[in-house]
């Protein structure tokens, strides 16, 4: 094993990003970045810091607008406020507090079981995926109860037909009996991505997104 970790650009840039042992490298669009990606406006001036310590490569999001995202290859347990990407769509995953589930109306129904409530049959929402708009505002919400939801472009429970980068069945979110929700990629062509938090260890073959730039760890 050498003293340098390498990341290869899968899309866009043809360069190879090298991270020497013990010497952090800041990647960004700005002139003060150690490695510049000036042609991608979705990259922040100082987007991410890479560092290799004792043969292990790490990445840290430097507060980038679009974050640093890691490709999901195995089922993962979601955390509240996770930021996810399917195709060109960005979502925030949110666990719904009890007070957000129309508590007053539910209480009325439970307290008067002799009266039939009018409404569409459905499940109590326990979480939601919220589309993130490019203005920074919240978009449409997709609720999750006790059933699996599938994001897709034709064969999902929630379909985004206009996004050619979303597969017919792209990814699914499944509630667990013991609590929590699991995100699984369904063999999508362009991948399912989850934003990093804090300092994240990278391994051989792992793929990350910086803006619209897709990189793969080749040598660690």
C-alpha atoms as a PDB file:
ATOM      1  CA  UNK A   1       0.000   0.000   0.000  1.00  0.00           C
ATOM      2  CA  UNK A   2       1.389   3.375  -0.999  1.00  0.00           C
ATOM      3  CA  UNK A   3       1.295   6.699   0.776  1.00  0.00           C
ATOM      4  CA  UNK A   4      -1.400   8.202  -1.462  1.00  0.00           C
ATOM      5  CA  UNK A   5      -5.118   7.475  -1.746  1.00  0.00           C
ATOM      6  CA  UNK A   6      -6.704   7.969  -5.169  1.00  0.00           C
ATOM      7  CA  UNK A   7     -10.210   8.927  -6.252  1.00  0.00           C
ATOM      8  CA  UNK A   8     -11.162   8.656  -9.910  1.00  0.00           C
ATOM      9  CA  UNK A   9     -13.838  10.793 -11.538  1.00  0.00           C
ATOM     10  CA  UNK A  10     -16.524   8.575 -13.113  1.00  0.00           C
ATOM     11  CA  UNK A  11     -18.307  11.526 -14.729  1.00  0.00           C
ATOM     12  CA  UNK A  12     -17.138  14.971 -15.770  1.00  0.00           C
ATOM     13  CA  UNK A  13     -13.555  15.667 -14.745  1.00  0.00           C
ATOM     14  CA  UNK A  14     -10.906  13.337 -16.194  1.00  0.00           C
ATOM     15  CA  UNK A  15      -8.359  14.049 -13.477  1.00  0.00           C
ATOM     16  CA  UNK A  16      -7.444  11.772 -10.608  1.00  0.00           C
ATOM     17  CA  UNK A  17      -7.702  13.201  -7.104  1.00  0.00           C
ATOM     18  CA  UNK A  18      -4.768  12.134  -4.945  1.00  0.00           C
ATOM     19  CA  UNK A  19      -4.773  12.383  -1.142  1.00  0.00           C
ATOM     20  CA  UNK A  20      -1.296  12.102   0.450  1.00  0.00           C
ATOM     21  CA  UNK A  21      -0.919  10.528   3.885  1.00  0.00           C
ATOM     22  CA  UNK A  22      -1.436  13.124   6.625  1.00  0.00           C
ATOM     23  CA  UNK A  23      -2.018  16.044   4.251  1.00  0.00           C
ATOM     24  CA  UNK A  24      -5.672  17.200   3.989  1.00  0.00           C
ATOM     25  CA  UNK A  25      -6.970  18.183   0.553  1.00  0.00           C
ATOM     26  CA  UNK A  26      -9.890  20.615   0.220  1.00  0.00           C
ATOM     27  CA  UNK A  27     -12.022  20.139  -2.890  1.00  0.00           C
ATOM     28  CA  UNK A  28     -14.223  22.950  -4.168  1.00  0.00           C
ATOM     29  CA  UNK A  29     -15.051  25.435  -6.886  1.00  0.00           C
ATOM     30  CA  UNK A  30     -13.223  28.386  -5.326  1.00  0.00           C
ATOM     31  CA  UNK A  31      -9.714  29.580  -6.016  1.00  0.00           C
ATOM     32  CA  UNK A  32      -8.538  28.709  -2.499  1.00  0.00           C
ATOM     33  CA  UNK A  33      -9.462  25.016  -2.846  1.00  0.00           C
ATOM     34  CA  UNK A  34      -6.534  22.611  -3.092  1.00  0.00           C
ATOM     35  CA  UNK A  35      -8.315  20.762  -5.905  1.00  0.00           C
ATOM     36  CA  UNK A  36     -10.656  22.880  -8.027  1.00  0.00           C
ATOM     37  CA  UNK A  37     -13.803  21.795  -9.847  1.00  0.00           C
ATOM     38  CA  UNK A  38     -14.456  25.197 -11.381  1.00  0.00           C
ATOM     39  CA  UNK A  39     -16.830  24.065 -14.133  1.00  0.00           C
ATOM     40  CA  UNK A  40     -19.568  22.659 -11.873  1.00  0.00           C
ATOM     41  CA  UNK A  41     -21.798  25.372 -10.325  1.00  0.00           C
ATOM     42  CA  UNK A  42     -23.325  22.812  -7.944  1.00  0.00           C
ATOM     43  CA  UNK A  43     -19.960  22.483  -6.179  1.00  0.00           C
ATOM     44  CA  UNK A  44     -19.452  24.916  -3.289  1.00  0.00           C
ATOM     45  CA  UNK A  45     -16.304  27.111  -3.105  1.00  0.00           C
ATOM     46  CA  UNK A  46     -15.023  24.834  -0.321  1.00  0.00           C
ATOM     47  CA  UNK A  47     -17.072  21.676  -0.609  1.00  0.00           C
ATOM     48  CA  UNK A  48     -15.281  18.798   1.122  1.00  0.00           C
ATOM     49  CA  UNK A  49     -12.058  17.916   2.899  1.00  0.00           C
ATOM     50  CA  UNK A  50     -10.318  14.591   2.301  1.00  0.00           C
ATOM     51  CA  UNK A  51      -7.663  13.250   4.632  1.00  0.00           C
ATOM     52  CA  UNK A  52      -5.734   9.994   4.791  1.00  0.00           C
ATOM     53  CA  UNK A  53      -4.603   8.869   8.232  1.00  0.00           C
ATOM     54  CA  UNK A  54      -2.769   5.606   8.931  1.00  0.00           C
ATOM     55  CA  UNK A  55      -3.838   4.237   5.581  1.00  0.00           C
ATOM     56  CA  UNK A  56      -7.537   5.102   5.971  1.00  0.00           C
ATOM     57  CA  UNK A  57      -9.310   7.682   3.827  1.00  0.00           C
ATOM     58  CA  UNK A  58     -11.939  10.023   5.305  1.00  0.00           C
ATOM     59  CA  UNK A  59     -14.187  12.764   3.909  1.00  0.00           C
ATOM     60  CA  UNK A  60     -15.747  15.720   5.734  1.00  0.00           C
ATOM     61  CA  UNK A  61     -18.551  17.888   4.331  1.00  0.00           C
ATOM     62  CA  UNK A  62     -17.530  21.549   4.763  1.00  0.00           C
ATOM     63  CA  UNK A  63     -21.104  22.836   4.862  1.00  0.00           C
ATOM     64  CA  UNK A  64     -21.608  22.522   1.111  1.00  0.00           C
ATOM     65  CA  UNK A  65     -24.992  23.557  -0.268  1.00  0.00           C
ATOM     66  CA  UNK A  66     -25.432  20.184  -1.982  1.00  0.00           C
ATOM     67  CA  UNK A  67     -23.521  18.154   0.560  1.00  0.00           C
ATOM     68  CA  UNK A  68     -21.320  15.109   0.093  1.00  0.00           C
ATOM     69  CA  UNK A  69     -23.301  11.977  -0.750  1.00  0.00           C
ATOM     70  CA  UNK A  70     -22.285   8.313  -0.572  1.00  0.00           C
ATOM     71  CA  UNK A  71     -23.833   5.652  -2.800  1.00  0.00           C
ATOM     72  CA  UNK A  72     -26.059   3.171  -0.957  1.00  0.00           C
ATOM     73  CA  UNK A  73     -25.071  -0.382  -1.866  1.00  0.00           C
ATOM     74  CA  UNK A  74     -26.481  -2.250   1.157  1.00  0.00           C
ATOM     75  CA  UNK A  75     -29.717  -1.690   3.109  1.00  0.00           C
ATOM     76  CA  UNK A  76     -29.203   1.123   5.642  1.00  0.00           C
ATOM     77  CA  UNK A  77     -31.188   2.270   8.661  1.00  0.00           C
ATOM     78  CA  UNK A  78     -32.344   5.831   8.063  1.00  0.00           C
ATOM     79  CA  UNK A  79     -31.892   8.611  10.591  1.00  0.00           C
ATOM     80  CA  UNK A  80     -34.183  11.583  11.090  1.00  0.00           C
ATOM     81  CA  UNK A  81     -33.209  14.477   8.779  1.00  0.00           C
ATOM     82  CA  UNK A  82     -31.257  12.251   6.406  1.00  0.00           C
ATOM     83  CA  UNK A  83     -30.863  13.781   2.958  1.00  0.00           C
ATOM     84  CA  UNK A  84     -31.317  11.362   0.064  1.00  0.00           C
ATOM     85  CA  UNK A  85     -30.946  11.492  -3.690  1.00  0.00           C
ATOM     86  CA  UNK A  86     -32.795   9.386  -6.259  1.00  0.00           C
ATOM     87  CA  UNK A  87     -31.919  10.398  -9.817  1.00  0.00           C
ATOM     88  CA  UNK A  88     -32.088  14.184  -9.938  1.00  0.00           C
ATOM     89  CA  UNK A  89     -34.529  14.390  -7.015  1.00  0.00           C
ATOM     90  CA  UNK A  90     -33.345  15.335  -3.522  1.00  0.00           C
ATOM     91  CA  UNK A  91     -35.450  14.321  -0.504  1.00  0.00           C
ATOM     92  CA  UNK A  92     -35.308  14.926   3.219  1.00  0.00           C
ATOM     93  CA  UNK A  93     -36.341  11.937   5.350  1.00  0.00           C
ATOM     94  CA  UNK A  94     -38.251  13.016   8.444  1.00  0.00           C
ATOM     95  CA  UNK A  95     -39.696  11.046  11.318  1.00  0.00           C
ATOM     96  CA  UNK A  96     -43.101  12.555  12.154  1.00  0.00           C
ATOM     97  CA  UNK A  97     -43.670  13.499  15.805  1.00  0.00           C
ATOM     98  CA  UNK A  98     -47.027  12.519  17.266  1.00  0.00           C
ATOM     99  CA  UNK A  99     -48.171  16.159  17.423  1.00  0.00           C
ATOM    100  CA  UNK A 100     -47.781  16.405  13.642  1.00  0.00           C
ATOM    101  CA  UNK A 101     -50.310  13.638  12.955  1.00  0.00           C
ATOM    102  CA  UNK A 102     -53.507  15.655  13.465  1.00  0.00           C
ATOM    103  CA  UNK A 103     -53.706  14.612  17.105  1.00  0.00           C
ATOM    104  CA  UNK A 104     -56.923  16.474  17.855  1.00  0.00           C
ATOM    105  CA  UNK A 105     -58.904  14.820  15.045  1.00  0.00           C
ATOM    106  CA  UNK A 106     -57.576  11.350  15.847  1.00  0.00           C
ATOM    107  CA  UNK A 107     -58.535  11.815  19.502  1.00  0.00           C
ATOM    108  CA  UNK A 108     -62.125  12.657  18.494  1.00  0.00           C
ATOM    109  CA  UNK A 109     -62.419   9.426  16.509  1.00  0.00           C
ATOM    110  CA  UNK A 110     -60.930   7.290  19.268  1.00  0.00           C
ATOM    111  CA  UNK A 111     -63.146   8.859  21.940  1.00  0.00           C
ATOM    112  CA  UNK A 112     -66.368   8.253  19.977  1.00  0.00           C
ATOM    113  CA  UNK A 113     -66.155   4.768  18.448  1.00  0.00           C
ATOM    114  CA  UNK A 114     -69.926   4.683  17.953  1.00  0.00           C
ATOM    115  CA  UNK A 115     -69.702   7.259  15.147  1.00  0.00           C
ATOM    116  CA  UNK A 116     -68.153   6.344  11.824  1.00  0.00           C
ATOM    117  CA  UNK A 117     -65.548   8.866  10.729  1.00  0.00           C
ATOM    118  CA  UNK A 118     -65.640  10.003   7.106  1.00  0.00           C
ATOM    119  CA  UNK A 119     -62.339   9.849   5.276  1.00  0.00           C
ATOM    120  CA  UNK A 120     -60.112   7.900   2.953  1.00  0.00           C
ATOM    121  CA  UNK A 121     -58.879   4.585   4.274  1.00  0.00           C
ATOM    122  CA  UNK A 122     -55.203   4.816   5.048  1.00  0.00           C
ATOM    123  CA  UNK A 123     -52.354   4.339   7.495  1.00  0.00           C
ATOM    124  CA  UNK A 124     -51.104   6.609  10.218  1.00  0.00           C
ATOM    125  CA  UNK A 125     -48.090   8.453   8.822  1.00  0.00           C
ATOM    126  CA  UNK A 126     -44.950   7.788  10.825  1.00  0.00           C
ATOM    127  CA  UNK A 127     -42.370   9.329   8.492  1.00  0.00           C
ATOM    128  CA  UNK A 128     -42.184  11.255   5.238  1.00  0.00           C
ATOM    129  CA  UNK A 129     -39.953  12.006   2.294  1.00  0.00           C
ATOM    130  CA  UNK A 130     -39.994  15.702   1.425  1.00  0.00           C
ATOM    131  CA  UNK A 131     -38.776  16.904  -1.967  1.00  0.00           C
ATOM    132  CA  UNK A 132     -36.140  19.613  -1.673  1.00  0.00           C
ATOM    133  CA  UNK A 133     -36.574  22.356  -4.280  1.00  0.00           C
ATOM    134  CA  UNK A 134     -33.628  24.177  -5.873  1.00  0.00           C
ATOM    135  CA  UNK A 135     -34.862  27.352  -4.160  1.00  0.00           C
ATOM    136  CA  UNK A 136     -34.122  25.714  -0.812  1.00  0.00           C
ATOM    137  CA  UNK A 137     -37.838  25.420  -0.018  1.00  0.00           C
ATOM    138  CA  UNK A 138     -39.801  22.282   0.825  1.00  0.00           C
ATOM    139  CA  UNK A 139     -41.780  20.585  -1.922  1.00  0.00           C
ATOM    140  CA  UNK A 140     -44.319  17.779  -1.977  1.00  0.00           C
ATOM    141  CA  UNK A 141     -44.421  15.312   0.918  1.00  0.00           C
ATOM    142  CA  UNK A 142     -44.699  11.526   0.560  1.00  0.00           C
ATOM    143  CA  UNK A 143     -45.884   9.823   3.728  1.00  0.00           C
ATOM    144  CA  UNK A 144     -44.777   6.447   5.093  1.00  0.00           C
ATOM    145  CA  UNK A 145     -46.899   4.337   7.425  1.00  0.00           C
ATOM    146  CA  UNK A 146     -46.682   0.591   8.025  1.00  0.00           C
ATOM    147  CA  UNK A 147     -46.182  -0.338   4.371  1.00  0.00           C
ATOM    148  CA  UNK A 148     -43.124  -0.196   2.112  1.00  0.00           C
ATOM    149  CA  UNK A 149     -42.989   2.652  -0.384  1.00  0.00           C
ATOM    150  CA  UNK A 150     -41.089   2.379  -3.670  1.00  0.00           C
ATOM    151  CA  UNK A 151     -39.606   5.338  -5.526  1.00  0.00           C
ATOM    152  CA  UNK A 152     -39.630   4.761  -9.273  1.00  0.00           C
ATOM    153  CA  UNK A 153     -40.482   6.033 -12.721  1.00  0.00           C
ATOM    154  CA  UNK A 154     -43.266   3.629 -13.606  1.00  0.00           C
ATOM    155  CA  UNK A 155     -43.423   0.606 -11.321  1.00  0.00           C
ATOM    156  CA  UNK A 156     -43.142   2.308  -7.943  1.00  0.00           C
ATOM    157  CA  UNK A 157     -45.738   3.364  -5.420  1.00  0.00           C
ATOM    158  CA  UNK A 158     -44.480   6.922  -6.015  1.00  0.00           C
ATOM    159  CA  UNK A 159     -43.405   7.604  -9.603  1.00  0.00           C
ATOM    160  CA  UNK A 160     -41.429  10.453 -11.157  1.00  0.00           C
ATOM    161  CA  UNK A 161     -41.990   9.951 -14.854  1.00  0.00           C
ATOM    162  CA  UNK A 162     -40.189  13.119 -15.965  1.00  0.00           C
ATOM    163  CA  UNK A 163     -36.876  12.114 -14.353  1.00  0.00           C
ATOM    164  CA  UNK A 164     -35.038   9.873 -16.816  1.00  0.00           C
ATOM    165  CA  UNK A 165     -32.343   9.153 -14.230  1.00  0.00           C
ATOM    166  CA  UNK A 166     -34.801   7.361 -11.933  1.00  0.00           C
ATOM    167  CA  UNK A 167     -35.225   3.644 -12.675  1.00  0.00           C
ATOM    168  CA  UNK A 168     -38.673   2.019 -12.948  1.00  0.00           C
ATOM    169  CA  UNK A 169     -38.155   0.634  -9.455  1.00  0.00           C
ATOM    170  CA  UNK A 170     -35.320   2.696  -8.026  1.00  0.00           C
ATOM    171  CA  UNK A 171     -35.320   2.341  -4.231  1.00  0.00           C
ATOM    172  CA  UNK A 172     -37.611   1.420  -1.365  1.00  0.00           C
ATOM    173  CA  UNK A 173     -38.159   2.520   2.230  1.00  0.00           C
ATOM    174  CA  UNK A 174     -39.385  -0.259   4.517  1.00  0.00           C
ATOM    175  CA  UNK A 175     -40.676   0.146   8.096  1.00  0.00           C
ATOM    176  CA  UNK A 176     -39.237  -2.320  10.627  1.00  0.00           C
ATOM    177  CA  UNK A 177     -41.376  -4.111  13.219  1.00  0.00           C
ATOM    178  CA  UNK A 178     -38.918  -3.077  15.931  1.00  0.00           C
ATOM    179  CA  UNK A 179     -39.053   0.533  14.769  1.00  0.00           C
ATOM    180  CA  UNK A 180     -37.183   2.622  12.259  1.00  0.00           C
ATOM    181  CA  UNK A 181     -37.050   2.593   8.481  1.00  0.00           C
ATOM    182  CA  UNK A 182     -34.632   0.865   6.112  1.00  0.00           C
ATOM    183  CA  UNK A 183     -33.538   2.300   2.753  1.00  0.00           C
ATOM    184  CA  UNK A 184     -32.677  -0.225   0.008  1.00  0.00           C
ATOM    185  CA  UNK A 185     -31.480   0.435  -3.524  1.00  0.00           C
ATOM    186  CA  UNK A 186     -33.269  -1.773  -6.069  1.00  0.00           C
ATOM    187  CA  UNK A 187     -30.439  -2.092  -8.562  1.00  0.00           C
ATOM    188  CA  UNK A 188     -30.965   1.404  -9.947  1.00  0.00           C
ATOM    189  CA  UNK A 189     -28.797   2.501 -12.849  1.00  0.00           C
ATOM    190  CA  UNK A 190     -27.819   5.900 -11.438  1.00  0.00           C
ATOM    191  CA  UNK A 191     -27.753   4.913  -7.797  1.00  0.00           C
ATOM    192  CA  UNK A 192     -29.334   5.807  -4.485  1.00  0.00           C
ATOM    193  CA  UNK A 193     -27.350   8.325  -2.451  1.00  0.00           C
ATOM    194  CA  UNK A 194     -27.282   9.436   1.188  1.00  0.00           C
ATOM    195  CA  UNK A 195     -25.655  12.606   2.479  1.00  0.00           C
ATOM    196  CA  UNK A 196     -22.757  12.176   4.892  1.00  0.00           C
ATOM    197  CA  UNK A 197     -22.670  13.470   8.452  1.00  0.00           C
ATOM    198  CA  UNK A 198     -19.461  14.386  10.206  1.00  0.00           C
ATOM    199  CA  UNK A 199     -16.254  12.574   9.320  1.00  0.00           C
ATOM    200  CA  UNK A 200     -16.954   9.497   7.191  1.00  0.00           C
ATOM    201  CA  UNK A 201     -14.602   6.627   6.423  1.00  0.00           C
ATOM    202  CA  UNK A 202     -14.319   5.673   2.747  1.00  0.00           C
ATOM    203  CA  UNK A 203     -13.439   2.213   1.493  1.00  0.00           C
ATOM    204  CA  UNK A 204     -12.112   0.712  -1.737  1.00  0.00           C
ATOM    205  CA  UNK A 205     -14.681   0.898  -4.544  1.00  0.00           C
ATOM    206  CA  UNK A 206     -17.000   3.270  -2.689  1.00  0.00           C
ATOM    207  CA  UNK A 207     -18.675   5.975  -4.774  1.00  0.00           C
ATOM    208  CA  UNK A 208     -19.396   9.542  -3.674  1.00  0.00           C
ATOM    209  CA  UNK A 209     -21.047  12.610  -5.184  1.00  0.00           C
ATOM    210  CA  UNK A 210     -19.642  16.128  -4.936  1.00  0.00           C
ATOM    211  CA  UNK A 211     -22.109  18.386  -6.701  1.00  0.00           C
ATOM    212  CA  UNK A 212     -22.702  16.521  -9.962  1.00  0.00           C
ATOM    213  CA  UNK A 213     -19.268  14.934  -9.900  1.00  0.00           C
ATOM    214  CA  UNK A 214     -19.225  11.197  -9.227  1.00  0.00           C
ATOM    215  CA  UNK A 215     -15.987   9.750  -7.848  1.00  0.00           C
ATOM    216  CA  UNK A 216     -14.912   6.239  -6.927  1.00  0.00           C
ATOM    217  CA  UNK A 217     -12.245   5.304  -4.393  1.00  0.00           C
ATOM    218  CA  UNK A 218      -9.652   3.301  -6.308  1.00  0.00           C
ATOM    219  CA  UNK A 219      -6.750   2.899  -3.911  1.00  0.00           C
ATOM    220  CA  UNK A 220      -6.692   3.312  -0.167  1.00  0.00           C
END
